[in-house]
Amino acid sequence: MKTKILTMLALLVSIGTVLHLVMPPLLFGVKPDMMLAMMFLGIILFPKWNYVLLIAFATAAISALTTAAPGGQIANLIDKPITAIAFFLLFLLVGKQWNTKVTASVLTFAGTLISGSIFLSVALFILGFLDGGFLALFAAVVLPAAVMNTVIMLVVYPIVEGIMKRSKMAAV
């Protein structure tokens, strides 16, 4: 693993942490997970298994430490690695067939839906910690998070991509 890439991944997790902390809870203490956009950006920029797993577990740990949702600690530790692997496989499947900005945005929306579904399923059905129904929480928290993450990716991805090209730190 290269130090430059590890530093970039750490910065993405840090930015995601700040986004996660400042986001207010919407329903029953559940916040939209803005950290996902940064995890997805790290996967898109450095699409190798070792980096995917590293950012997945780092994001899971930080999300678990900063969550306010009942049972969110366990749900985040289960959700993030599964979501990262699913996102990475989707990214490999789609590859370079579309414009990278479009691919990043569509996959971010889909990845957030996957993450939210896993999180809510674990918190509601396995742990039984959350009040409310799956559909209500999905509509009130996951869908807005998917839209917000997609907008974040639409804005941030072209900027980061340009910086990466200028700094000669393109995907290794």
N, C-alpha and C. Protein backbone atom coordinates (compact mmCIF):
# COMPACT_ATOMS: atom_id res chain seq x y z
N MET A 1 0.84 -1.18 0.00
CA MET A 1 0.00 0.00 0.00
C MET A 1 0.89 1.24 0.00
N LYS A 2 0.47 2.20 -0.79
CA LYS A 2 1.24 3.42 -0.92
C LYS A 2 0.79 4.46 0.10
N THR A 3 1.75 5.18 0.64
CA THR A 3 1.46 6.18 1.67
C THR A 3 0.57 7.30 1.14
N LYS A 4 0.77 7.72 -0.10
CA LYS A 4 -0.07 8.78 -0.68
C LYS A 4 -1.53 8.35 -0.72
N ILE A 5 -1.76 7.11 -1.11
CA ILE A 5 -3.14 6.62 -1.20
C ILE A 5 -3.74 6.47 0.19
N LEU A 6 -2.97 5.96 1.12
CA LEU A 6 -3.47 5.83 2.49
C LEU A 6 -3.83 7.20 3.07
N THR A 7 -3.02 8.20 2.77
CA THR A 7 -3.30 9.56 3.24
C THR A 7 -4.58 10.09 2.62
N MET A 8 -4.75 9.85 1.34
CA MET A 8 -5.96 10.30 0.65
C MET A 8 -7.20 9.61 1.23
N LEU A 9 -7.10 8.31 1.48
CA LEU A 9 -8.22 7.57 2.06
C LEU A 9 -8.54 8.08 3.46
N ALA A 10 -7.50 8.39 4.23
CA ALA A 10 -7.70 8.95 5.58
C ALA A 10 -8.39 10.30 5.51
N LEU A 11 -8.02 11.12 4.55
CA LEU A 11 -8.68 12.41 4.38
C LEU A 11 -10.15 12.23 4.01
N LEU A 12 -10.44 11.29 3.14
CA LEU A 12 -11.84 11.04 2.77
C LEU A 12 -12.66 10.57 3.97
N VAL A 13 -12.08 9.67 4.77
CA VAL A 13 -12.79 9.21 5.97
C VAL A 13 -12.98 10.36 6.94
N SER A 14 -11.99 11.24 7.05
CA SER A 14 -12.10 12.41 7.94
C SER A 14 -13.20 13.35 7.48
N ILE A 15 -13.25 13.63 6.20
CA ILE A 15 -14.30 14.49 5.67
C ILE A 15 -15.66 13.84 5.88
N GLY A 16 -15.74 12.55 5.63
CA GLY A 16 -16.98 11.81 5.86
C GLY A 16 -17.41 11.85 7.32
N THR A 17 -16.45 11.80 8.22
CA THR A 17 -16.76 11.87 9.65
C THR A 17 -17.38 13.22 10.01
N VAL A 18 -16.81 14.29 9.48
CA VAL A 18 -17.35 15.62 9.75
C VAL A 18 -18.77 15.73 9.19
N LEU A 19 -18.97 15.25 7.97
CA LEU A 19 -20.31 15.28 7.38
C LEU A 19 -21.29 14.47 8.23
N HIS A 20 -20.82 13.33 8.72
CA HIS A 20 -21.67 12.45 9.54
C HIS A 20 -22.02 13.11 10.87
N LEU A 21 -21.08 13.80 11.46
CA LEU A 21 -21.31 14.43 12.76
C LEU A 21 -22.23 15.64 12.70
N VAL A 22 -22.15 16.42 11.63
CA VAL A 22 -22.95 17.63 11.55
C VAL A 22 -24.37 17.38 11.07
N MET A 23 -24.63 16.22 10.52
CA MET A 23 -25.97 15.90 10.02
C MET A 23 -26.90 15.62 11.19
N PRO A 24 -28.03 16.32 11.28
CA PRO A 24 -28.97 16.06 12.38
C PRO A 24 -29.77 14.78 12.15
N PRO A 25 -30.18 14.12 13.23
CA PRO A 25 -31.03 12.93 13.08
C PRO A 25 -32.39 13.33 12.50
N LEU A 26 -32.94 12.47 11.66
CA LEU A 26 -34.23 12.77 11.03
C LEU A 26 -35.39 12.07 11.71
N LEU A 27 -35.20 10.78 12.06
CA LEU A 27 -36.30 10.01 12.60
C LEU A 27 -35.75 8.96 13.55
N PHE A 28 -36.23 8.94 14.79
CA PHE A 28 -35.82 7.97 15.81
C PHE A 28 -34.30 7.92 16.00
N GLY A 29 -33.64 9.05 15.88
CA GLY A 29 -32.20 9.12 16.09
C GLY A 29 -31.36 8.66 14.91
N VAL A 30 -32.00 8.32 13.80
CA VAL A 30 -31.27 7.84 12.62
C VAL A 30 -30.93 9.04 11.73
N LYS A 31 -29.64 9.14 11.38
CA LYS A 31 -29.15 10.22 10.54
C LYS A 31 -28.92 9.69 9.13
N PRO A 32 -29.08 10.54 8.12
CA PRO A 32 -28.61 10.16 6.79
C PRO A 32 -27.09 9.99 6.84
N ASP A 33 -26.58 8.97 6.24
CA ASP A 33 -25.15 8.66 6.34
C ASP A 33 -24.37 9.33 5.21
N MET A 34 -23.85 10.50 5.50
CA MET A 34 -23.08 11.25 4.52
C MET A 34 -21.66 10.70 4.36
N MET A 35 -21.25 9.85 5.30
CA MET A 35 -19.93 9.25 5.22
C MET A 35 -19.83 8.29 4.03
N LEU A 36 -20.96 7.77 3.61
CA LEU A 36 -20.97 6.84 2.48
C LEU A 36 -20.41 7.47 1.21
N ALA A 37 -20.74 8.73 0.96
CA ALA A 37 -20.25 9.38 -0.25
C ALA A 37 -18.73 9.38 -0.30
N MET A 38 -18.10 9.61 0.84
CA MET A 38 -16.64 9.62 0.88
C MET A 38 -16.06 8.20 0.73
N MET A 39 -16.75 7.22 1.31
CA MET A 39 -16.31 5.83 1.14
C MET A 39 -16.40 5.44 -0.33
N PHE A 40 -17.51 5.80 -0.96
CA PHE A 40 -17.69 5.47 -2.38
C PHE A 40 -16.65 6.19 -3.24
N LEU A 41 -16.35 7.43 -2.90
CA LEU A 41 -15.34 8.18 -3.65
C LEU A 41 -13.98 7.51 -3.53
N GLY A 42 -13.64 7.04 -2.34
CA GLY A 42 -12.38 6.32 -2.15
C GLY A 42 -12.32 5.05 -2.98
N ILE A 43 -13.44 4.35 -3.07
CA ILE A 43 -13.48 3.11 -3.86
C ILE A 43 -13.33 3.42 -5.34
N ILE A 44 -13.98 4.49 -5.80
CA ILE A 44 -13.89 4.86 -7.22
C ILE A 44 -12.47 5.31 -7.57
N LEU A 45 -11.84 6.07 -6.69
CA LEU A 45 -10.50 6.58 -6.97
C LEU A 45 -9.43 5.51 -6.90
N PHE A 46 -9.59 4.57 -5.99
CA PHE A 46 -8.58 3.53 -5.78
C PHE A 46 -9.25 2.16 -5.80
N PRO A 47 -9.63 1.67 -6.98
CA PRO A 47 -10.41 0.43 -7.07
C PRO A 47 -9.56 -0.84 -6.99
N LYS A 48 -9.03 -1.08 -5.82
CA LYS A 48 -8.30 -2.32 -5.54
C LYS A 48 -8.84 -2.90 -4.25
N TRP A 49 -8.86 -4.22 -4.17
CA TRP A 49 -9.47 -4.90 -3.03
C TRP A 49 -8.90 -4.44 -1.69
N ASN A 50 -7.58 -4.29 -1.60
CA ASN A 50 -7.00 -3.93 -0.31
C ASN A 50 -7.45 -2.54 0.15
N TYR A 51 -7.57 -1.60 -0.78
CA TYR A 51 -8.03 -0.26 -0.43
C TYR A 51 -9.53 -0.26 -0.12
N VAL A 52 -10.29 -1.05 -0.86
CA VAL A 52 -11.73 -1.14 -0.62
C VAL A 52 -11.99 -1.67 0.79
N LEU A 53 -11.30 -2.73 1.15
CA LEU A 53 -11.51 -3.31 2.48
C LEU A 53 -11.02 -2.36 3.58
N LEU A 54 -9.93 -1.69 3.34
CA LEU A 54 -9.40 -0.75 4.33
C LEU A 54 -10.38 0.39 4.58
N ILE A 55 -10.87 1.02 3.52
CA ILE A 55 -11.79 2.14 3.72
C ILE A 55 -13.13 1.65 4.26
N ALA A 56 -13.52 0.43 3.92
CA ALA A 56 -14.79 -0.12 4.43
C ALA A 56 -14.71 -0.29 5.95
N PHE A 57 -13.65 -0.89 6.43
CA PHE A 57 -13.54 -1.13 7.87
C PHE A 57 -13.27 0.17 8.65
N ALA A 58 -12.52 1.10 8.05
CA ALA A 58 -12.30 2.39 8.71
C ALA A 58 -13.62 3.16 8.80
N THR A 59 -14.37 3.17 7.73
CA THR A 59 -15.66 3.86 7.72
C THR A 59 -16.63 3.19 8.69
N ALA A 60 -16.63 1.88 8.73
CA ALA A 60 -17.51 1.15 9.66
C ALA A 60 -17.19 1.52 11.10
N ALA A 61 -15.92 1.55 11.43
CA ALA A 61 -15.51 1.85 12.81
C ALA A 61 -15.89 3.27 13.20
N ILE A 62 -15.61 4.23 12.32
CA ILE A 62 -15.92 5.62 12.63
C ILE A 62 -17.43 5.83 12.69
N SER A 63 -18.16 5.22 11.77
CA SER A 63 -19.63 5.34 11.80
C SER A 63 -20.20 4.75 13.07
N ALA A 64 -19.65 3.62 13.48
CA ALA A 64 -20.13 2.98 14.71
C ALA A 64 -19.86 3.86 15.93
N LEU A 65 -18.73 4.53 15.93
CA LEU A 65 -18.39 5.41 17.06
C LEU A 65 -19.22 6.68 17.10
N THR A 66 -19.68 7.14 15.94
CA THR A 66 -20.36 8.44 15.89
C THR A 66 -21.87 8.34 15.69
N THR A 67 -22.41 7.15 15.63
CA THR A 67 -23.85 7.02 15.38
C THR A 67 -24.67 7.36 16.62
N ALA A 68 -25.87 7.84 16.38
CA ALA A 68 -26.79 8.12 17.48
C ALA A 68 -27.98 7.17 17.44
N ALA A 69 -28.04 6.34 16.42
CA ALA A 69 -29.17 5.42 16.26
C ALA A 69 -29.03 4.26 17.24
N PRO A 70 -30.14 3.87 17.86
CA PRO A 70 -30.09 2.71 18.75
C PRO A 70 -29.70 1.46 17.95
N GLY A 71 -28.67 0.77 18.42
CA GLY A 71 -28.18 -0.42 17.71
C GLY A 71 -27.33 -0.10 16.51
N GLY A 72 -27.08 1.18 16.29
CA GLY A 72 -26.33 1.61 15.12
C GLY A 72 -24.88 1.16 15.10
N GLN A 73 -24.32 0.92 16.28
CA GLN A 73 -22.93 0.48 16.34
C GLN A 73 -22.77 -0.86 15.62
N ILE A 74 -23.58 -1.82 15.99
CA ILE A 74 -23.49 -3.15 15.38
C ILE A 74 -23.93 -3.09 13.92
N ALA A 75 -25.01 -2.36 13.67
CA ALA A 75 -25.52 -2.26 12.30
C ALA A 75 -24.48 -1.64 11.36
N ASN A 76 -23.76 -0.62 11.81
CA ASN A 76 -22.72 -0.01 10.97
C ASN A 76 -21.57 -0.96 10.71
N LEU A 77 -21.18 -1.73 11.72
CA LEU A 77 -20.07 -2.67 11.54
C LEU A 77 -20.42 -3.77 10.55
N ILE A 78 -21.69 -4.10 10.44
CA ILE A 78 -22.13 -5.11 9.47
C ILE A 78 -22.37 -4.47 8.10
N ASP A 79 -22.99 -3.31 8.12
CA ASP A 79 -23.43 -2.64 6.89
C ASP A 79 -22.28 -2.17 6.00
N LYS A 80 -21.32 -1.47 6.54
CA LYS A 80 -20.31 -0.81 5.70
C LYS A 80 -19.44 -1.78 4.89
N PRO A 81 -18.91 -2.85 5.48
CA PRO A 81 -18.13 -3.77 4.64
C PRO A 81 -18.95 -4.42 3.53
N ILE A 82 -20.18 -4.81 3.84
CA ILE A 82 -21.02 -5.43 2.81
C ILE A 82 -21.33 -4.43 1.71
N THR A 83 -21.64 -3.21 2.10
CA THR A 83 -21.95 -2.16 1.12
C THR A 83 -20.73 -1.85 0.26
N ALA A 84 -19.56 -1.76 0.88
CA ALA A 84 -18.34 -1.45 0.12
C ALA A 84 -18.05 -2.53 -0.92
N ILE A 85 -18.20 -3.78 -0.54
CA ILE A 85 -17.96 -4.87 -1.48
C ILE A 85 -18.99 -4.85 -2.60
N ALA A 86 -20.26 -4.64 -2.26
CA ALA A 86 -21.31 -4.57 -3.28
C ALA A 86 -21.06 -3.40 -4.23
N PHE A 87 -20.69 -2.24 -3.68
CA PHE A 87 -20.42 -1.06 -4.49
C PHE A 87 -19.23 -1.33 -5.42
N PHE A 88 -18.19 -1.92 -4.88
CA PHE A 88 -17.00 -2.21 -5.67
C PHE A 88 -17.32 -3.18 -6.81
N LEU A 89 -18.10 -4.21 -6.52
CA LEU A 89 -18.48 -5.16 -7.57
C LEU A 89 -19.34 -4.49 -8.64
N LEU A 90 -20.26 -3.63 -8.23
CA LEU A 90 -21.05 -2.87 -9.20
C LEU A 90 -20.15 -1.95 -10.03
N PHE A 91 -19.19 -1.32 -9.38
CA PHE A 91 -18.26 -0.45 -10.08
C PHE A 91 -17.45 -1.23 -11.11
N LEU A 92 -16.99 -2.42 -10.75
CA LEU A 92 -16.24 -3.25 -11.69
C LEU A 92 -17.13 -3.72 -12.83
N LEU A 93 -18.39 -3.99 -12.53
CA LEU A 93 -19.33 -4.45 -13.55
C LEU A 93 -19.63 -3.35 -14.56
N VAL A 94 -19.88 -2.15 -14.06
CA VAL A 94 -20.20 -1.02 -14.94
C VAL A 94 -18.93 -0.53 -15.61
N GLY A 95 -17.86 -0.47 -14.84
CA GLY A 95 -16.56 -0.07 -15.37
C GLY A 95 -16.58 1.28 -16.04
N LYS A 96 -15.98 1.36 -17.18
CA LYS A 96 -15.83 2.62 -17.90
C LYS A 96 -16.82 2.73 -19.05
N GLN A 97 -17.96 2.01 -18.93
CA GLN A 97 -18.94 2.03 -20.01
C GLN A 97 -19.65 3.37 -20.12
N TRP A 98 -19.79 4.09 -19.00
CA TRP A 98 -20.47 5.37 -18.99
C TRP A 98 -19.48 6.46 -18.65
N ASN A 99 -19.95 7.67 -18.75
CA ASN A 99 -19.19 8.82 -18.27
C ASN A 99 -18.91 8.60 -16.78
N THR A 100 -17.70 8.86 -16.34
CA THR A 100 -17.34 8.57 -14.95
C THR A 100 -18.17 9.38 -13.95
N LYS A 101 -18.55 10.61 -14.31
CA LYS A 101 -19.37 11.42 -13.42
C LYS A 101 -20.76 10.79 -13.26
N VAL A 102 -21.31 10.30 -14.35
CA VAL A 102 -22.61 9.64 -14.32
C VAL A 102 -22.52 8.33 -13.54
N THR A 103 -21.48 7.55 -13.82
CA THR A 103 -21.28 6.28 -13.12
C THR A 103 -21.16 6.50 -11.62
N ALA A 104 -20.33 7.47 -11.22
CA ALA A 104 -20.14 7.76 -9.81
C ALA A 104 -21.45 8.15 -9.14
N SER A 105 -22.24 8.97 -9.81
CA SER A 105 -23.50 9.44 -9.22
C SER A 105 -24.54 8.32 -9.12
N VAL A 106 -24.71 7.57 -10.18
CA VAL A 106 -25.70 6.48 -10.18
C VAL A 106 -25.31 5.41 -9.16
N LEU A 107 -24.04 5.05 -9.13
CA LEU A 107 -23.59 4.04 -8.18
C LEU A 107 -23.68 4.54 -6.74
N THR A 108 -23.46 5.82 -6.52
CA THR A 108 -23.60 6.39 -5.17
C THR A 108 -25.04 6.29 -4.71
N PHE A 109 -25.98 6.62 -5.59
CA PHE A 109 -27.39 6.50 -5.24
C PHE A 109 -27.73 5.05 -4.91
N ALA A 110 -27.32 4.13 -5.77
CA ALA A 110 -27.61 2.70 -5.54
C ALA A 110 -26.90 2.19 -4.29
N GLY A 111 -25.66 2.59 -4.10
CA GLY A 111 -24.91 2.15 -2.92
C GLY A 111 -25.52 2.64 -1.62
N THR A 112 -26.04 3.86 -1.63
CA THR A 112 -26.68 4.39 -0.43
C THR A 112 -27.97 3.62 -0.14
N LEU A 113 -28.71 3.26 -1.17
CA LEU A 113 -29.92 2.44 -0.97
C LEU A 113 -29.56 1.07 -0.41
N ILE A 114 -28.49 0.48 -0.91
CA ILE A 114 -28.03 -0.82 -0.40
C ILE A 114 -27.63 -0.69 1.07
N SER A 115 -26.83 0.31 1.36
CA SER A 115 -26.37 0.53 2.73
C SER A 115 -27.53 0.76 3.69
N GLY A 116 -28.45 1.63 3.30
CA GLY A 116 -29.60 1.92 4.15
C GLY A 116 -30.47 0.70 4.39
N SER A 117 -30.63 -0.10 3.36
CA SER A 117 -31.43 -1.33 3.50
C SER A 117 -30.78 -2.30 4.47
N ILE A 118 -29.47 -2.46 4.35
CA ILE A 118 -28.76 -3.37 5.25
C ILE A 118 -28.80 -2.83 6.68
N PHE A 119 -28.51 -1.54 6.84
CA PHE A 119 -28.51 -0.93 8.17
C PHE A 119 -29.86 -1.09 8.85
N LEU A 120 -30.92 -0.71 8.15
CA LEU A 120 -32.26 -0.79 8.73
C LEU A 120 -32.67 -2.24 9.00
N SER A 121 -32.31 -3.14 8.11
CA SER A 121 -32.64 -4.55 8.33
C SER A 121 -31.97 -5.09 9.58
N VAL A 122 -30.70 -4.77 9.75
CA VAL A 122 -29.98 -5.24 10.94
C VAL A 122 -30.56 -4.59 12.20
N ALA A 123 -30.76 -3.28 12.16
CA ALA A 123 -31.23 -2.56 13.35
C ALA A 123 -32.68 -2.92 13.71
N LEU A 124 -33.51 -3.12 12.72
CA LEU A 124 -34.92 -3.40 12.98
C LEU A 124 -35.19 -4.88 13.24
N PHE A 125 -34.73 -5.72 12.35
CA PHE A 125 -35.15 -7.12 12.37
C PHE A 125 -34.22 -8.03 13.17
N ILE A 126 -32.93 -7.79 13.10
CA ILE A 126 -31.99 -8.66 13.82
C ILE A 126 -31.82 -8.18 15.26
N LEU A 127 -31.55 -6.89 15.43
CA LEU A 127 -31.32 -6.35 16.77
C LEU A 127 -32.61 -5.90 17.45
N GLY A 128 -33.57 -5.45 16.67
CA GLY A 128 -34.83 -4.98 17.22
C GLY A 128 -34.72 -3.71 18.04
N PHE A 129 -33.71 -2.87 17.75
CA PHE A 129 -33.46 -1.68 18.54
C PHE A 129 -34.24 -0.45 18.08
N LEU A 130 -34.58 -0.38 16.81
CA LEU A 130 -35.24 0.82 16.31
C LEU A 130 -36.75 0.71 16.40
N ASP A 131 -37.37 1.84 16.70
CA ASP A 131 -38.83 1.90 16.64
C ASP A 131 -39.21 2.33 15.23
N GLY A 132 -40.41 1.98 14.83
CA GLY A 132 -40.87 2.39 13.51
C GLY A 132 -40.74 1.26 12.51
N GLY A 133 -41.32 1.48 11.37
CA GLY A 133 -41.31 0.47 10.32
C GLY A 133 -40.21 0.70 9.31
N PHE A 134 -39.87 -0.34 8.61
CA PHE A 134 -38.81 -0.29 7.62
C PHE A 134 -39.12 0.76 6.55
N LEU A 135 -40.33 0.70 5.99
CA LEU A 135 -40.67 1.62 4.90
C LEU A 135 -40.66 3.08 5.36
N ALA A 136 -41.14 3.34 6.56
CA ALA A 136 -41.14 4.72 7.08
C ALA A 136 -39.72 5.23 7.25
N LEU A 137 -38.85 4.42 7.84
CA LEU A 137 -37.46 4.83 8.02
C LEU A 137 -36.73 4.93 6.68
N PHE A 138 -37.04 4.01 5.77
CA PHE A 138 -36.41 4.03 4.45
C PHE A 138 -36.78 5.32 3.72
N ALA A 139 -38.07 5.65 3.74
CA ALA A 139 -38.54 6.85 3.05
C ALA A 139 -38.04 8.13 3.72
N ALA A 140 -37.99 8.14 5.05
CA ALA A 140 -37.64 9.36 5.78
C ALA A 140 -36.15 9.59 5.91
N VAL A 141 -35.35 8.53 5.85
CA VAL A 141 -33.92 8.68 6.10
C VAL A 141 -33.07 8.22 4.91
N VAL A 142 -33.33 7.03 4.40
CA VAL A 142 -32.45 6.47 3.36
C VAL A 142 -32.61 7.20 2.02
N LEU A 143 -33.83 7.45 1.60
CA LEU A 143 -34.02 8.15 0.32
C LEU A 143 -33.42 9.56 0.32
N PRO A 144 -33.66 10.36 1.38
CA PRO A 144 -32.99 11.67 1.42
C PRO A 144 -31.46 11.54 1.45
N ALA A 145 -30.96 10.54 2.16
CA ALA A 145 -29.51 10.33 2.20
C ALA A 145 -28.98 9.98 0.81
N ALA A 146 -29.72 9.16 0.08
CA ALA A 146 -29.29 8.78 -1.27
C ALA A 146 -29.23 10.01 -2.18
N VAL A 147 -30.22 10.87 -2.06
CA VAL A 147 -30.22 12.09 -2.88
C VAL A 147 -29.06 13.00 -2.46
N MET A 148 -28.87 13.19 -1.16
CA MET A 148 -27.79 14.06 -0.68
C MET A 148 -26.42 13.52 -1.08
N ASN A 149 -26.22 12.21 -0.93
CA ASN A 149 -24.93 11.62 -1.31
C ASN A 149 -24.69 11.75 -2.80
N THR A 150 -25.74 11.61 -3.59
CA THR A 150 -25.60 11.76 -5.04
C THR A 150 -25.20 13.19 -5.40
N VAL A 151 -25.82 14.16 -4.76
CA VAL A 151 -25.47 15.56 -5.00
C VAL A 151 -24.03 15.83 -4.57
N ILE A 152 -23.65 15.30 -3.41
CA ILE A 152 -22.26 15.45 -2.95
C ILE A 152 -21.30 14.87 -3.97
N MET A 153 -21.62 13.69 -4.48
CA MET A 153 -20.74 13.05 -5.47
C MET A 153 -20.69 13.87 -6.76
N LEU A 154 -21.82 14.41 -7.20
CA LEU A 154 -21.85 15.24 -8.42
C LEU A 154 -20.95 16.47 -8.28
N VAL A 155 -20.87 17.01 -7.09
CA VAL A 155 -20.08 18.21 -6.86
C VAL A 155 -18.61 17.86 -6.60
N VAL A 156 -18.39 16.90 -5.73
CA VAL A 156 -17.03 16.62 -5.25
C VAL A 156 -16.21 15.79 -6.24
N TYR A 157 -16.82 14.82 -6.89
CA TYR A 157 -16.05 13.91 -7.76
C TYR A 157 -15.27 14.64 -8.85
N PRO A 158 -15.88 15.54 -9.63
CA PRO A 158 -15.10 16.22 -10.66
C PRO A 158 -13.93 17.04 -10.09
N ILE A 159 -14.14 17.63 -8.92
CA ILE A 159 -13.08 18.41 -8.29
C ILE A 159 -11.92 17.51 -7.90
N VAL A 160 -12.24 16.41 -7.22
CA VAL A 160 -11.19 15.49 -6.77
C VAL A 160 -10.51 14.83 -7.96
N GLU A 161 -11.28 14.49 -8.98
CA GLU A 161 -10.70 13.88 -10.19
C GLU A 161 -9.70 14.84 -10.84
N GLY A 162 -10.05 16.12 -10.92
CA GLY A 162 -9.14 17.10 -11.48
C GLY A 162 -7.87 17.25 -10.65
N ILE A 163 -8.02 17.27 -9.34
CA ILE A 163 -6.86 17.36 -8.45
C ILE A 163 -5.97 16.14 -8.62
N MET A 164 -6.59 14.97 -8.72
CA MET A 164 -5.82 13.72 -8.86
C MET A 164 -5.03 13.73 -10.17
N LYS A 165 -5.63 14.20 -11.23
CA LYS A 165 -4.93 14.24 -12.53
C LYS A 165 -3.76 15.22 -12.50
N ARG A 166 -4.00 16.39 -11.89
CA ARG A 166 -2.93 17.38 -11.82
C ARG A 166 -1.78 16.94 -10.91
N SER A 167 -2.11 16.19 -9.87
CA SER A 167 -1.06 15.77 -8.93
C SER A 167 -0.44 14.44 -9.33
N LYS A 168 -0.84 13.90 -10.46
CA LYS A 168 -0.31 12.63 -10.97
C LYS A 168 -0.52 11.51 -9.97
N MET A 169 -1.66 11.53 -9.29
CA MET A 169 -1.96 10.51 -8.32
C MET A 169 -3.15 9.68 -8.77
N ALA A 170 -3.30 9.55 -10.07
CA ALA A 170 -4.45 8.81 -10.62
C ALA A 170 -4.47 7.40 -10.10
N ALA A 171 -5.59 6.74 -10.27
CA ALA A 171 -5.79 5.39 -9.73
C ALA A 171 -4.61 4.50 -10.02
N VAL A 172 -4.12 3.91 -8.97
CA VAL A 172 -2.92 3.08 -9.06
C VAL A 172 -3.31 1.63 -9.12
